[in-house]
Amino acid sequence: MALSIAYMATYVNGQNKLTKQSEAAVESGRVLKFVFDREYRVIKSSVQASMRDTSYKVQIFLEESDNGNVKDSTCQSPIGEFKCHHVAATLLFGYKKASKTDIKCSWIKHPKSAPPKRTVTMQELYPSNQPNYSSAIDSK
């Protein structure tokens, strides 16, 4: 579960036809690709058209806060300018079937807990145990 069901519910807003079409698309495996970038709050997917041998690219921009609202969405389908079942299917897929591998790893780009890098000298790595000891390099 990569997304909350609230995104789907808010997007379809009680439109039964839109809900049924998106459920049919998810259950029949027509969501071909799903990538969620948590850092930028963007979902990209590819959803196969129901009647044709083509697929549509979908992009969904979520609100900054995790409140269940979609800020904006685009779909290449002819009805993509309006509320589109390809977008709804992507949101439903994100709730029902998305795995951890579908979520882009943002920790690779910006590690928050990594300590700053520091150069360590050989003296710091291997301190002398004897107070009057000197290496061959020191005696030259």
Protein backbone atom coordinates (compact mmCIF):
# COMPACT_ATOMS: atom_id res chain seq x y z
CA MET A 1 0.00 0.00 0.00
CA ALA A 2 1.85 3.05 -1.28
CA LEU A 3 -1.12 5.42 -1.14
CA SER A 4 -4.05 6.05 1.12
CA ILE A 5 -7.49 5.17 -0.27
CA ALA A 6 -8.42 8.78 0.52
CA TYR A 7 -6.73 9.93 -2.72
CA MET A 8 -8.98 7.70 -4.82
CA ALA A 9 -12.10 8.55 -2.81
CA THR A 10 -11.48 12.30 -3.04
CA TYR A 11 -10.70 12.14 -6.76
CA VAL A 12 -13.81 10.18 -7.80
CA ASN A 13 -15.99 12.10 -5.34
CA GLY A 14 -18.86 9.62 -5.38
CA GLN A 15 -19.04 9.19 -9.17
CA ASN A 16 -20.08 5.53 -9.47
CA LYS A 17 -19.24 5.15 -13.16
CA LEU A 18 -15.73 6.50 -12.64
CA THR A 19 -15.25 4.20 -9.64
CA LYS A 20 -16.44 1.10 -11.52
CA GLN A 21 -14.28 1.85 -14.57
CA SER A 22 -11.17 2.33 -12.44
CA GLU A 23 -11.85 -0.84 -10.44
CA ALA A 24 -12.25 -2.80 -13.68
CA ALA A 25 -8.97 -1.40 -15.01
CA VAL A 26 -7.06 -2.39 -11.87
CA GLU A 27 -8.62 -5.84 -11.57
CA SER A 28 -7.98 -6.67 -15.24
CA GLY A 29 -4.31 -5.64 -14.96
CA ARG A 30 -4.46 -2.61 -17.23
CA VAL A 31 -2.20 -0.49 -15.00
CA LEU A 32 1.03 -1.43 -16.75
CA LYS A 33 3.51 0.83 -14.95
CA PHE A 34 3.39 2.64 -11.61
CA VAL A 35 6.16 4.77 -10.08
CA PHE A 36 5.61 6.93 -7.00
CA ASP A 37 8.22 9.54 -6.06
CA ARG A 38 7.46 10.41 -2.43
CA GLU A 39 9.98 13.24 -2.34
CA TYR A 40 8.34 15.21 -5.17
CA ARG A 41 4.83 13.80 -4.50
CA VAL A 42 4.45 12.69 -8.14
CA ILE A 43 2.98 9.47 -9.52
CA LYS A 44 3.69 8.37 -13.09
CA SER A 45 1.87 5.46 -14.64
CA SER A 46 0.92 3.85 -17.89
CA VAL A 47 -2.64 2.54 -18.20
CA GLN A 48 -3.84 0.42 -21.10
CA ALA A 49 -6.96 1.63 -22.88
CA SER A 50 -9.99 -0.61 -22.38
CA MET A 51 -10.98 -1.01 -26.03
CA ARG A 52 -7.78 -0.36 -27.99
CA ASP A 53 -4.30 -1.73 -28.21
CA THR A 54 -2.78 1.45 -26.80
CA SER A 55 -1.82 2.83 -23.43
CA TYR A 56 -1.99 6.29 -21.92
CA LYS A 57 0.63 8.01 -19.81
CA VAL A 58 -0.72 9.41 -16.56
CA GLN A 59 0.92 11.93 -14.22
CA ILE A 60 -0.53 12.80 -10.84
CA PHE A 61 0.72 15.58 -8.58
CA LEU A 62 -0.27 15.18 -4.93
CA GLU A 63 -0.62 17.94 -2.34
CA GLU A 64 2.47 18.56 -0.18
CA SER A 65 0.67 17.42 2.96
CA ASP A 66 -0.58 13.85 3.05
CA ASN A 67 -4.23 14.92 3.15
CA GLY A 68 -5.70 12.76 0.37
CA ASN A 69 -6.02 15.56 -2.19
CA VAL A 70 -4.73 15.48 -5.76
CA LYS A 71 -3.24 18.85 -6.72
CA ASP A 72 -3.25 18.20 -10.48
CA SER A 73 -3.28 15.33 -12.96
CA THR A 74 -2.70 14.74 -16.66
CA CYS A 75 -3.64 11.86 -18.93
CA GLN A 76 -3.03 11.38 -22.64
CA SER A 77 -6.50 9.93 -23.20
CA PRO A 78 -9.13 11.99 -25.05
CA ILE A 79 -10.99 12.65 -21.78
CA GLY A 80 -7.79 13.26 -19.81
CA GLU A 81 -8.56 16.95 -19.35
CA PHE A 82 -11.50 16.04 -17.14
CA LYS A 83 -11.92 13.45 -14.41
CA CYS A 84 -10.46 10.39 -16.06
CA HIS A 85 -10.75 6.74 -15.02
CA HIS A 86 -7.08 6.20 -15.99
CA VAL A 87 -6.08 8.62 -13.22
CA ALA A 88 -8.55 7.00 -10.80
CA ALA A 89 -7.20 3.53 -11.72
CA THR A 90 -3.66 4.71 -10.98
CA LEU A 91 -4.72 5.98 -7.55
CA LEU A 92 -6.57 2.75 -6.81
CA PHE A 93 -3.59 0.68 -7.97
CA GLY A 94 -1.38 2.69 -5.59
CA TYR A 95 -3.67 1.68 -2.73
CA LYS A 96 -4.37 -1.95 -3.67
CA LYS A 97 -1.42 -3.36 -5.55
CA ALA A 98 1.66 -1.13 -5.47
CA SER A 99 4.70 -2.77 -3.92
CA LYS A 100 7.74 -1.25 -2.25
CA THR A 101 9.65 -1.57 -5.52
CA ASP A 102 7.13 0.75 -7.21
CA ILE A 103 8.16 3.57 -4.89
CA LYS A 104 11.20 5.54 -5.96
CA CYS A 105 14.04 5.38 -3.42
CA SER A 106 14.53 8.96 -2.32
CA TRP A 107 16.98 8.00 0.44
CA ILE A 108 19.63 7.36 -2.21
CA LYS A 109 19.63 11.00 -3.31
CA HIS A 110 19.52 12.77 0.04
CA PRO A 111 20.78 10.73 2.99
CA LYS A 112 19.63 12.57 6.10
CA SER A 113 21.45 10.53 8.75
CA ALA A 114 24.85 10.15 7.06
CA PRO A 115 27.66 11.89 8.95
CA PRO A 116 29.78 14.39 7.04
CA LYS A 117 32.87 12.94 5.39
CA ARG A 118 36.21 13.65 7.04
CA THR A 119 39.75 12.74 6.01
CA VAL A 120 41.64 10.67 8.58
CA THR A 121 45.45 10.64 8.72
CA MET A 122 47.57 7.52 9.21
CA GLN A 123 48.67 8.84 12.63
CA GLU A 124 45.02 9.00 13.70
CA LEU A 125 44.34 5.51 12.36
CA TYR A 126 47.46 3.91 13.89
CA PRO A 127 48.61 5.90 16.88
CA SER A 128 51.96 5.00 18.43
CA ASN A 129 51.67 2.88 21.58
CA GLN A 130 55.22 3.78 22.69
CA PRO A 131 55.91 7.41 23.60
CA ASN A 132 59.49 7.51 22.16
CA TYR A 133 58.78 5.33 19.10
CA SER A 134 59.38 6.76 15.63
CA SER A 135 58.95 5.13 12.28
CA ALA A 136 61.59 4.90 9.57
CA ILE A 137 59.86 7.73 7.75
CA ASP A 138 60.07 10.02 10.81
CA SER A 139 63.87 9.50 11.23
CA LYS A 140 64.90 10.90 7.85
